[in-house]
C-alpha atoms as a PDB file:
ATOM      1  CA  UNK A   1       6.490 -20.771 -11.237  1.00  0.00           C
ATOM      2  CA  UNK A   2       6.559 -24.370 -12.458  1.00  0.00           C
ATOM      3  CA  UNK A   3       8.224 -25.508  -9.273  1.00  0.00           C
ATOM      4  CA  UNK A   4       4.993 -24.303  -6.916  1.00  0.00           C
ATOM      5  CA  UNK A   5       2.599 -26.113  -9.000  1.00  0.00           C
ATOM      6  CA  UNK A   6       2.333 -28.885  -6.181  1.00  0.00           C
ATOM      7  CA  UNK A   7       1.349 -25.656  -4.077  1.00  0.00           C
ATOM      8  CA  UNK A   8      -1.142 -24.111  -6.624  1.00  0.00           C
ATOM      9  CA  UNK A   9      -3.134 -26.949  -7.221  1.00  0.00           C
ATOM     10  CA  UNK A  10      -4.147 -26.926  -3.916  1.00  0.00           C
ATOM     11  CA  UNK A  11      -5.858 -23.328  -3.860  1.00  0.00           C
ATOM     12  CA  UNK A  12      -9.230 -23.236  -4.350  1.00  0.00           C
ATOM     13  CA  UNK A  13      -8.758 -20.678  -6.762  1.00  0.00           C
ATOM     14  CA  UNK A  14      -7.041 -22.998  -8.818  1.00  0.00           C
ATOM     15  CA  UNK A  15      -9.282 -25.882  -8.310  1.00  0.00           C
ATOM     16  CA  UNK A  16     -10.189 -27.969 -11.145  1.00  0.00           C
ATOM     17  CA  UNK A  17      -7.496 -26.756 -13.624  1.00  0.00           C
ATOM     18  CA  UNK A  18      -5.040 -28.587 -15.251  1.00  0.00           C
ATOM     19  CA  UNK A  19      -1.147 -27.370 -14.923  1.00  0.00           C
ATOM     20  CA  UNK A  20      -1.259 -25.811 -18.321  1.00  0.00           C
ATOM     21  CA  UNK A  21      -4.159 -23.455 -17.408  1.00  0.00           C
ATOM     22  CA  UNK A  22      -2.879 -22.575 -13.840  1.00  0.00           C
ATOM     23  CA  UNK A  23       0.432 -21.547 -15.848  1.00  0.00           C
ATOM     24  CA  UNK A  24      -1.503 -19.973 -18.621  1.00  0.00           C
ATOM     25  CA  UNK A  25      -3.142 -17.627 -16.147  1.00  0.00           C
ATOM     26  CA  UNK A  26       0.006 -16.913 -13.998  1.00  0.00           C
ATOM     27  CA  UNK A  27       1.739 -15.763 -17.656  1.00  0.00           C
ATOM     28  CA  UNK A  28      -1.570 -13.249 -18.697  1.00  0.00           C
ATOM     29  CA  UNK A  29      -1.555 -11.647 -15.132  1.00  0.00           C
ATOM     30  CA  UNK A  30       2.437 -11.241 -14.859  1.00  0.00           C
ATOM     31  CA  UNK A  31       2.414 -12.976 -11.818  1.00  0.00           C
ATOM     32  CA  UNK A  32       5.772 -12.749  -9.812  1.00  0.00           C
ATOM     33  CA  UNK A  33       7.528 -14.381  -6.692  1.00  0.00           C
ATOM     34  CA  UNK A  34       8.499 -12.258  -3.964  1.00  0.00           C
ATOM     35  CA  UNK A  35      10.734 -13.100  -1.291  1.00  0.00           C
ATOM     36  CA  UNK A  36      11.226 -11.482   2.727  1.00  0.00           C
ATOM     37  CA  UNK A  37      12.909 -12.301   5.534  1.00  0.00           C
ATOM     38  CA  UNK A  38      11.671 -13.373   8.385  1.00  0.00           C
ATOM     39  CA  UNK A  39      10.338 -10.556  10.667  1.00  0.00           C
ATOM     40  CA  UNK A  40       9.887  -8.032   7.996  1.00  0.00           C
ATOM     41  CA  UNK A  41       6.933  -6.272   6.290  1.00  0.00           C
ATOM     42  CA  UNK A  42       5.367  -7.366   2.869  1.00  0.00           C
ATOM     43  CA  UNK A  43       3.145  -3.825   3.190  1.00  0.00           C
ATOM     44  CA  UNK A  44       2.778  -1.283   5.613  1.00  0.00           C
ATOM     45  CA  UNK A  45      -0.252   0.467   7.397  1.00  0.00           C
ATOM     46  CA  UNK A  46      -1.648   3.114   4.484  1.00  0.00           C
ATOM     47  CA  UNK A  47       0.582   1.427   1.510  1.00  0.00           C
ATOM     48  CA  UNK A  48      -1.453   0.855  -1.975  1.00  0.00           C
ATOM     49  CA  UNK A  49      -1.807  -2.243  -3.741  1.00  0.00           C
ATOM     50  CA  UNK A  50      -3.214  -3.747  -6.468  1.00  0.00           C
ATOM     51  CA  UNK A  51      -2.195  -7.292  -5.792  1.00  0.00           C
ATOM     52  CA  UNK A  52      -3.121 -10.463  -4.571  1.00  0.00           C
ATOM     53  CA  UNK A  53      -1.122 -12.954  -3.202  1.00  0.00           C
ATOM     54  CA  UNK A  54      -0.637 -16.653  -2.383  1.00  0.00           C
ATOM     55  CA  UNK A  55       1.692 -17.668   0.045  1.00  0.00           C
ATOM     56  CA  UNK A  56       4.143 -20.383  -1.233  1.00  0.00           C
ATOM     57  CA  UNK A  57       6.359 -21.153   1.783  1.00  0.00           C
ATOM     58  CA  UNK A  58       6.687 -19.856   5.061  1.00  0.00           C
ATOM     59  CA  UNK A  59       3.807 -18.231   6.419  1.00  0.00           C
ATOM     60  CA  UNK A  60       2.392 -14.331   6.726  1.00  0.00           C
ATOM     61  CA  UNK A  61       0.715 -12.841   9.409  1.00  0.00           C
ATOM     62  CA  UNK A  62      -1.830  -9.669   8.775  1.00  0.00           C
ATOM     63  CA  UNK A  63      -1.625  -7.674  12.010  1.00  0.00           C
ATOM     64  CA  UNK A  64      -2.873  -4.779  13.333  1.00  0.00           C
ATOM     65  CA  UNK A  65       0.107  -2.564  15.414  1.00  0.00           C
ATOM     66  CA  UNK A  66      -1.152   0.538  17.834  1.00  0.00           C
ATOM     67  CA  UNK A  67       1.306   3.461  18.488  1.00  0.00           C
ATOM     68  CA  UNK A  68       2.482   1.678  21.337  1.00  0.00           C
ATOM     69  CA  UNK A  69       3.661  -1.064  19.547  1.00  0.00           C
ATOM     70  CA  UNK A  70       0.827  -3.742  20.551  1.00  0.00           C
ATOM     71  CA  UNK A  71       0.030  -6.282  17.953  1.00  0.00           C
ATOM     72  CA  UNK A  72      -3.051  -8.022  17.332  1.00  0.00           C
ATOM     73  CA  UNK A  73      -3.088 -11.209  14.909  1.00  0.00           C
ATOM     74  CA  UNK A  74      -5.976 -10.408  12.031  1.00  0.00           C
ATOM     75  CA  UNK A  75      -5.416 -13.270   9.700  1.00  0.00           C
ATOM     76  CA  UNK A  76      -2.648 -16.261   9.469  1.00  0.00           C
ATOM     77  CA  UNK A  77      -1.991 -17.238   6.140  1.00  0.00           C
ATOM     78  CA  UNK A  78      -0.112 -20.419   5.236  1.00  0.00           C
ATOM     79  CA  UNK A  79       1.297 -22.120   2.179  1.00  0.00           C
ATOM     80  CA  UNK A  80      -1.749 -22.656  -0.264  1.00  0.00           C
ATOM     81  CA  UNK A  81      -3.650 -19.940   0.903  1.00  0.00           C
ATOM     82  CA  UNK A  82      -4.696 -16.905  -1.027  1.00  0.00           C
ATOM     83  CA  UNK A  83      -4.721 -13.281   0.664  1.00  0.00           C
ATOM     84  CA  UNK A  84      -6.248 -10.424  -0.844  1.00  0.00           C
ATOM     85  CA  UNK A  85      -4.011  -7.691   0.530  1.00  0.00           C
ATOM     86  CA  UNK A  86      -6.800  -5.229   0.735  1.00  0.00           C
ATOM     87  CA  UNK A  87      -5.678  -4.883   4.434  1.00  0.00           C
ATOM     88  CA  UNK A  88      -4.420  -1.184   3.767  1.00  0.00           C
ATOM     89  CA  UNK A  89      -4.990   0.001   7.530  1.00  0.00           C
ATOM     90  CA  UNK A  90      -2.997  -3.239   8.574  1.00  0.00           C
ATOM     91  CA  UNK A  91       0.619  -4.425   8.402  1.00  0.00           C
ATOM     92  CA  UNK A  92       1.181  -7.392   6.299  1.00  0.00           C
ATOM     93  CA  UNK A  93       4.015  -9.500   8.320  1.00  0.00           C
ATOM     94  CA  UNK A  94       6.201 -11.886   7.498  1.00  0.00           C
ATOM     95  CA  UNK A  95       6.531 -15.369   9.722  1.00  0.00           C
ATOM     96  CA  UNK A  96       8.215 -18.384   8.708  1.00  0.00           C
ATOM     97  CA  UNK A  97       7.923 -21.787   9.771  1.00  0.00           C
ATOM     98  CA  UNK A  98       4.440 -23.283  12.128  1.00  0.00           C
ATOM     99  CA  UNK A  99       2.003 -20.211  12.585  1.00  0.00           C
END
C-alpha cells in the first residue's frame, strides 16, 4: 500500500494524516487492491457490497444501463476519488485513461 501514498495523501478522507496513520488505518480495515481490465465491471446492478473504494489509477464510471443497452453516466471517478459503492441498482464500470 505504500506505493499508493502519494494518491492517498491527496484524498480528503486522509487529509491531515501522516503516512504512518494512513497505513495504520488501511491495515485496520483490511484494505485490499483490486485491478480490472478496461471495459469490465467492478459491480453489476443488484450486487450487494459493504465496501467503499478509492480509485488509485485509471478511472471508473458509475452508469445506469437500460434493457436496450443505453447507458447513462451517473458519475465519473478518477485517481484520488473515493466512491462509496452504494449504487446497488447501477453498474460500476472501468474506464482507463481520461474521463
